[in-house]
Protein backbone atom coordinates (compact mmCIF):
# COMPACT_ATOMS: atom_id res chain seq x y z
CA UNK A 1 97.66 124.34 124.12
CA UNK A 2 98.20 120.76 125.23
CA UNK A 3 96.63 119.93 128.57
CA UNK A 4 96.92 117.04 131.03
CA UNK A 5 94.13 114.50 130.72
CA UNK A 6 91.79 114.11 133.67
CA UNK A 7 90.92 110.53 132.71
CA UNK A 8 93.86 108.79 131.04
CA UNK A 9 91.90 105.52 130.83
CA UNK A 10 89.93 106.91 127.89
CA UNK A 11 92.90 107.57 125.60
CA UNK A 12 92.80 105.70 122.31
CA UNK A 13 95.74 103.46 121.52
CA UNK A 14 97.56 104.27 118.27
CA UNK A 15 100.02 101.85 116.60
CA UNK A 16 102.29 103.28 113.90
CA UNK A 17 103.92 100.46 111.92
CA UNK A 18 107.13 100.97 109.96
CA UNK A 19 108.12 99.79 106.49
CA UNK A 20 107.32 96.09 105.90
CA UNK A 21 108.94 95.71 102.44
CA UNK A 22 107.51 92.35 101.46
CA UNK A 23 108.42 90.45 104.66
CA UNK A 24 105.21 88.64 105.58
CA UNK A 25 106.70 86.63 108.47
CA UNK A 26 108.03 89.80 110.09
CA UNK A 27 104.63 91.47 109.66
CA UNK A 28 102.73 88.53 111.17
CA UNK A 29 105.12 88.30 114.12
CA UNK A 30 104.96 92.05 114.74
CA UNK A 31 101.16 91.93 114.65
CA UNK A 32 101.07 89.04 117.16
CA UNK A 33 103.46 90.97 119.42
CA UNK A 34 101.31 94.10 119.25
CA UNK A 35 98.22 92.03 120.02
CA UNK A 36 99.85 90.30 123.00
CA UNK A 37 101.42 93.46 124.47
CA UNK A 38 98.31 95.70 124.34
CA UNK A 39 95.17 95.27 126.47
CA UNK A 40 92.65 93.36 124.24
CA UNK A 41 89.91 96.03 124.42
CA UNK A 42 92.50 98.73 123.61
CA UNK A 43 93.97 96.72 120.73
CA UNK A 44 90.58 95.91 119.23
CA UNK A 45 89.62 99.59 119.16
CA UNK A 46 93.07 100.93 118.22
CA UNK A 47 93.96 103.27 115.39
CA UNK A 48 96.51 101.40 113.26
CA UNK A 49 98.63 103.53 110.92
CA UNK A 50 100.83 101.71 108.43
CA UNK A 51 103.57 104.12 107.36
CA UNK A 52 104.02 102.74 103.81
CA UNK A 53 106.44 100.65 101.73
CA UNK A 54 104.62 97.32 101.69
CA UNK A 55 106.38 95.98 98.58
CA UNK A 56 109.90 95.34 97.19
CA UNK A 57 113.07 93.78 98.71
CA UNK A 58 111.35 90.98 100.66
CA UNK A 59 109.87 88.09 98.67
CA UNK A 60 106.24 88.27 99.88
CA UNK A 61 104.81 91.58 98.63
CA UNK A 62 101.65 89.88 97.40
CA UNK A 63 101.06 88.17 100.77
CA UNK A 64 101.75 91.41 102.67
CA UNK A 65 99.07 93.25 100.66
CA UNK A 66 96.64 90.33 101.21
CA UNK A 67 97.28 90.58 104.96
CA UNK A 68 96.60 94.33 104.96
CA UNK A 69 93.46 94.03 102.82
CA UNK A 70 92.03 91.47 105.27
CA UNK A 71 92.62 93.47 108.46
CA UNK A 72 89.37 95.50 108.40
CA UNK A 73 87.24 92.34 108.32
CA UNK A 74 89.38 90.59 110.97
CA UNK A 75 89.37 93.62 113.30
CA UNK A 76 86.19 95.55 112.46
CA UNK A 77 86.45 97.90 115.48
CA UNK A 78 89.96 99.06 114.64
CA UNK A 79 90.57 102.02 112.34
CA UNK A 80 93.18 101.25 109.67
CA UNK A 81 95.18 103.83 107.73
CA UNK A 82 97.39 102.64 104.87
CA UNK A 83 99.82 105.36 103.82
CA UNK A 84 101.54 105.28 100.44
CA UNK A 85 105.29 104.86 100.57
CA UNK A 86 107.52 105.83 97.66
CA UNK A 87 107.79 102.12 96.70
CA UNK A 88 104.00 101.69 96.71
CA UNK A 89 103.60 104.90 94.69
CA UNK A 90 106.04 103.54 92.09
CA UNK A 91 104.27 100.15 92.02
CA UNK A 92 100.95 101.96 91.43
CA UNK A 93 102.60 104.08 88.73
CA UNK A 94 103.77 100.94 86.90
CA UNK A 95 100.26 99.47 87.08
CA UNK A 96 98.82 102.67 85.56
CA UNK A 97 96.49 103.37 88.50
CA UNK A 98 97.75 106.77 89.67
CA UNK A 99 95.30 109.66 89.23
CA UNK A 100 96.29 111.83 86.24
CA UNK A 101 98.04 115.16 86.97
CA UNK A 102 95.56 117.82 88.04
CA UNK A 103 96.99 120.38 85.63
CA UNK A 104 96.22 118.20 82.59
CA UNK A 105 99.89 117.48 81.84
CA UNK A 106 100.99 114.03 80.65
CA UNK A 107 102.90 111.56 82.83
CA UNK A 108 105.70 111.56 80.26
CA UNK A 109 106.38 115.17 81.26
CA UNK A 110 107.72 113.77 84.56
CA UNK A 111 110.67 112.16 82.72
CA UNK A 112 112.31 115.35 81.46
CA UNK A 113 114.08 116.54 84.58
CA UNK A 114 115.83 113.19 85.16
CA UNK A 115 116.49 111.96 81.61
CA UNK A 116 120.27 111.85 82.15
CA UNK A 117 119.63 108.93 84.60
CA UNK A 118 117.60 106.84 82.14
CA UNK A 119 120.48 104.73 80.82
CA UNK A 120 122.10 103.96 84.17
CA UNK A 121 118.78 103.18 85.84
CA UNK A 122 117.54 101.22 82.81
CA UNK A 123 114.04 102.71 82.81
CA UNK A 124 111.20 100.44 81.71
CA UNK A 125 110.52 100.59 77.96
CA UNK A 126 108.01 97.76 77.63
CA UNK A 127 104.31 97.78 76.83
CA UNK A 128 102.55 100.84 78.25
CA UNK A 129 105.66 102.89 79.06
CA UNK A 130 104.77 105.79 76.70
CA UNK A 131 102.64 107.57 79.28
CA UNK A 132 103.92 106.09 82.52
CA UNK A 133 104.92 108.26 85.50
CA UNK A 134 108.69 108.47 85.93
CA UNK A 135 108.66 106.41 89.13
CA UNK A 136 106.81 103.54 87.43
CA UNK A 137 109.48 103.41 84.73
CA UNK A 138 112.27 103.46 87.33
CA UNK A 139 110.47 100.81 89.40
CA UNK A 140 109.97 98.35 86.54
CA UNK A 141 113.31 99.08 84.87
CA UNK A 142 116.54 97.05 84.85
CA UNK A 143 119.36 98.83 86.65
CA UNK A 144 122.74 98.54 84.94
CA UNK A 145 124.89 98.74 88.10
CA UNK A 146 124.93 95.84 90.55
CA UNK A 147 125.56 97.37 93.95
CA UNK A 148 123.70 100.02 95.91
CA UNK A 149 126.77 101.73 97.35
CA UNK A 150 124.76 103.76 99.88
CA UNK A 151 123.32 100.58 101.41
CA UNK A 152 126.03 98.08 100.59
CA UNK A 153 123.43 95.73 99.07
CA UNK A 154 122.93 94.21 95.62
CA UNK A 155 120.13 95.74 93.55
CA UNK A 156 117.24 93.33 92.97
CA UNK A 157 116.19 94.12 89.40
CA UNK A 158 115.58 97.86 89.59
CA UNK A 159 116.65 100.90 91.58
CA UNK A 160 113.61 100.11 93.76
CA UNK A 161 114.58 96.43 94.27
CA UNK A 162 111.25 95.56 92.65
CA UNK A 163 112.32 92.15 91.31
CA UNK A 164 110.86 90.22 94.28
CA UNK A 165 107.52 92.03 93.90
CA UNK A 166 107.17 90.91 90.27
CA UNK A 167 108.10 87.36 91.30
CA UNK A 168 105.55 87.33 94.16
CA UNK A 169 102.85 87.80 91.49
CA UNK A 170 104.35 85.02 89.35
CA UNK A 171 105.95 87.08 86.58
CA UNK A 172 109.63 87.85 85.86
CA UNK A 173 111.05 91.23 86.83
CA UNK A 174 110.34 93.95 84.28
CA UNK A 175 107.46 92.09 82.62
CA UNK A 176 104.47 94.14 81.47
CA UNK A 177 102.40 91.03 82.35
CA UNK A 178 102.44 92.23 85.96
CA UNK A 179 99.56 94.60 85.12
CA UNK A 180 97.32 91.58 84.42
CA UNK A 181 98.79 89.46 87.23
CA UNK A 182 97.97 91.89 90.06
CA UNK A 183 94.41 91.18 91.34
CA UNK A 184 91.83 93.95 91.16
CA UNK A 185 91.54 94.12 94.96
CA UNK A 186 95.29 94.81 95.17
CA UNK A 187 94.97 97.57 92.56
CA UNK A 188 92.10 99.03 94.56
CA UNK A 189 94.21 98.92 97.75
CA UNK A 190 97.13 100.66 96.01
CA UNK A 191 94.95 103.34 94.45
CA UNK A 192 93.16 104.02 97.76
CA UNK A 193 96.33 104.53 99.82
CA UNK A 194 96.44 107.87 101.65
CA UNK A 195 99.42 110.12 100.97
CA UNK A 196 99.01 111.80 104.37
CA UNK A 197 96.86 111.24 107.44
CA UNK A 198 95.96 113.75 110.14
CA UNK A 199 94.48 113.27 113.61
CA UNK A 200 93.43 116.24 115.75
CA UNK A 201 93.67 114.64 119.19
CA UNK A 202 96.35 112.05 119.95
CA UNK A 203 97.60 111.43 123.48
CA UNK A 204 101.19 110.99 124.64
CA UNK A 205 102.48 110.09 128.07
CA UNK A 206 104.87 112.79 129.27
CA UNK A 207 106.58 113.57 132.57
CA UNK A 208 103.71 115.98 133.33
CA UNK A 209 101.09 113.35 132.54
CA UNK A 210 99.02 112.66 129.45
CA UNK A 211 99.10 115.48 126.87
CA UNK A 212 97.09 115.98 123.69
CA UNK A 213 98.62 116.74 120.30
CA UNK A 214 97.77 116.93 116.64
CA UNK A 215 99.36 114.13 114.58
CA UNK A 216 100.47 114.11 110.94
CA UNK A 217 101.54 110.78 109.44
CA UNK A 218 103.36 110.84 106.09
CA UNK A 219 105.81 108.32 104.66
CA UNK A 220 108.99 110.44 104.51
CA UNK A 221 108.04 113.72 106.20
CA UNK A 222 107.18 117.33 105.47
CA UNK A 223 109.57 119.63 103.62
CA UNK A 224 111.42 122.38 105.44
CA UNK A 225 110.92 125.91 104.19
CA UNK A 226 107.69 125.15 102.31
CA UNK A 227 104.19 126.13 103.40
CA UNK A 228 102.79 123.27 105.49
CA UNK A 229 99.15 123.80 104.44
CA UNK A 230 100.13 123.81 100.75
CA UNK A 231 102.02 120.53 101.25
CA UNK A 232 99.09 118.93 103.07
CA UNK A 233 96.62 120.08 100.41
CA UNK A 234 98.82 118.71 97.62
CA UNK A 235 99.16 115.36 99.42
CA UNK A 236 95.41 115.12 100.06
CA UNK A 237 94.74 115.92 96.39
CA UNK A 238 97.27 113.23 95.33
CA UNK A 239 98.82 115.59 92.82
CA UNK A 240 100.95 113.45 90.48
CA UNK A 241 102.40 116.15 88.22
CA UNK A 242 105.75 116.15 90.07
CA UNK A 243 108.37 113.58 89.00
CA UNK A 244 109.26 113.02 92.67
CA UNK A 245 106.85 113.44 95.61
CA UNK A 246 109.27 114.79 98.22
CA UNK A 247 106.99 114.02 101.19
CA UNK A 248 107.04 110.35 100.15
CA UNK A 249 110.65 110.06 99.02
CA UNK A 250 112.74 112.96 100.36
CA UNK A 251 115.62 112.50 102.80
CA UNK A 252 117.37 115.37 104.61
CA UNK A 253 114.78 117.92 103.41
CA UNK A 254 111.97 116.09 105.27
CA UNK A 255 113.88 114.88 108.36
CA UNK A 256 112.82 117.62 110.80
CA UNK A 257 109.42 118.96 111.77
CA UNK A 258 108.77 122.24 109.90
CA UNK A 259 109.07 125.23 112.27
CA UNK A 260 105.51 126.33 111.50
CA UNK A 261 104.21 123.29 113.37
CA UNK A 262 105.82 124.35 116.66
CA UNK A 263 103.03 126.92 117.24
CA UNK A 264 100.53 124.11 117.66
CA UNK A 265 102.73 121.22 118.87
CA UNK A 266 102.30 118.44 116.32
CA UNK A 267 103.57 114.86 116.23
CA UNK A 268 105.02 114.06 112.79
CA UNK A 269 105.42 110.30 112.28
CA UNK A 270 107.11 108.67 109.27
CA UNK A 271 108.87 105.53 108.11
CA UNK A 272 111.15 105.55 105.05
CA UNK A 273 114.51 106.54 106.50
CA UNK A 274 115.87 103.11 107.51
CA UNK A 275 116.26 104.30 111.09
CA UNK A 276 114.47 104.38 114.40
CA UNK A 277 114.65 108.03 115.48
CA UNK A 278 112.58 109.51 118.31
CA UNK A 279 113.28 113.19 118.91
CA UNK A 280 110.56 115.02 120.82
CA UNK A 281 107.48 114.87 118.62
CA UNK A 282 109.38 113.69 115.50
CA UNK A 283 108.92 109.93 115.24
CA UNK A 284 110.73 108.01 112.47
CA UNK A 285 109.85 104.33 112.63
CA UNK A 286 111.73 102.31 110.03
CA UNK A 287 114.15 100.05 111.82
CA UNK A 288 114.06 97.48 109.04
CA UNK A 289 114.93 99.52 105.98
CA UNK A 290 113.77 96.48 104.02
CA UNK A 291 116.93 94.58 104.98
CA UNK A 292 116.58 90.86 105.62
CA UNK A 293 118.26 90.79 109.05
CA UNK A 294 116.68 93.97 110.45
CA UNK A 295 113.47 94.02 112.50
CA UNK A 296 110.17 95.62 111.53
CA UNK A 297 109.15 98.00 114.31
CA UNK A 298 106.08 99.84 115.52
CA UNK A 299 105.52 102.59 118.07
CA UNK A 300 102.52 102.45 120.39
CA UNK A 301 100.94 105.68 121.65
CA UNK A 302 100.35 107.06 124.23
CA UNK A 303 103.06 104.93 125.92
CA UNK A 304 105.74 105.52 123.20
CA UNK A 305 106.64 101.84 123.56
CA UNK A 306 108.58 100.31 120.65
CA UNK A 307 107.42 96.83 119.60
CA UNK A 308 109.39 94.69 117.13
CA UNK A 309 108.72 91.48 115.23
CA UNK A 310 111.64 89.82 117.07
CA UNK A 311 110.34 90.58 120.59
CA UNK A 312 109.24 87.66 122.71
CA UNK A 313 106.04 89.18 124.11
CA UNK A 314 103.90 86.04 124.10
CA UNK A 315 103.08 85.09 127.69
């Protein structure tokens, strides 16, 4: 059961930061706004959860990853969690740094289910494609249609809009040279990303005072109608045998909190959906959607305050 806190001063601040998508200026401004709107001692000891999708769309993917890699040395008393988004998963797949499927199957087995899309999506067929996970081939491919009708935007190279990521590392979109161009510390960052993060005791301000909850952070969400523990175990094991990791890339099927989590009230926080959606304990923090004119947002717990890169919080 959740219970009111006797000493709310001791609650740890948690910042959950939505999809950055290669926009370094937005990320820097958001960070400054978080720093100036949170008590310094609270900020310096905060738990910072990045909800994934660091690359693609914006033109500074390389600089964004540099910024994230440097945070632990700049803020040694903070705890940093870097979740994998579906874009980061696909980037890692292209670089060949995903763990192999646990069942011993080959990555090329992930192509079969979606082969009718290969021509339209222009899957990557360059050096190293023969045993590349499906999402790496889609990410580095050359899409044959120009417009993303769902978003009303022009595709940038691939279905993932990965063109700007290639260019940020100094190589043209779809070039196998990206594998050499990405520094080792970036590969290490991408291979170390968590697919899910759990916290047992997170505080929220409610009308009845501070309450304690479990928190699960995952890029897209947890699937309805599937065993929650099985999903969490698969995410922790980073099981790559599936062509599509639904908890990182699903839409309607991962929107709501699974019913099983209502027994022990659990906050489920995600990015991914291109929306800011706060409904009880379901927090979806992706106001930007990787679009140039949209803000990057964060939610601060326990206050539930939304902070954006465009806020003018500097005193």
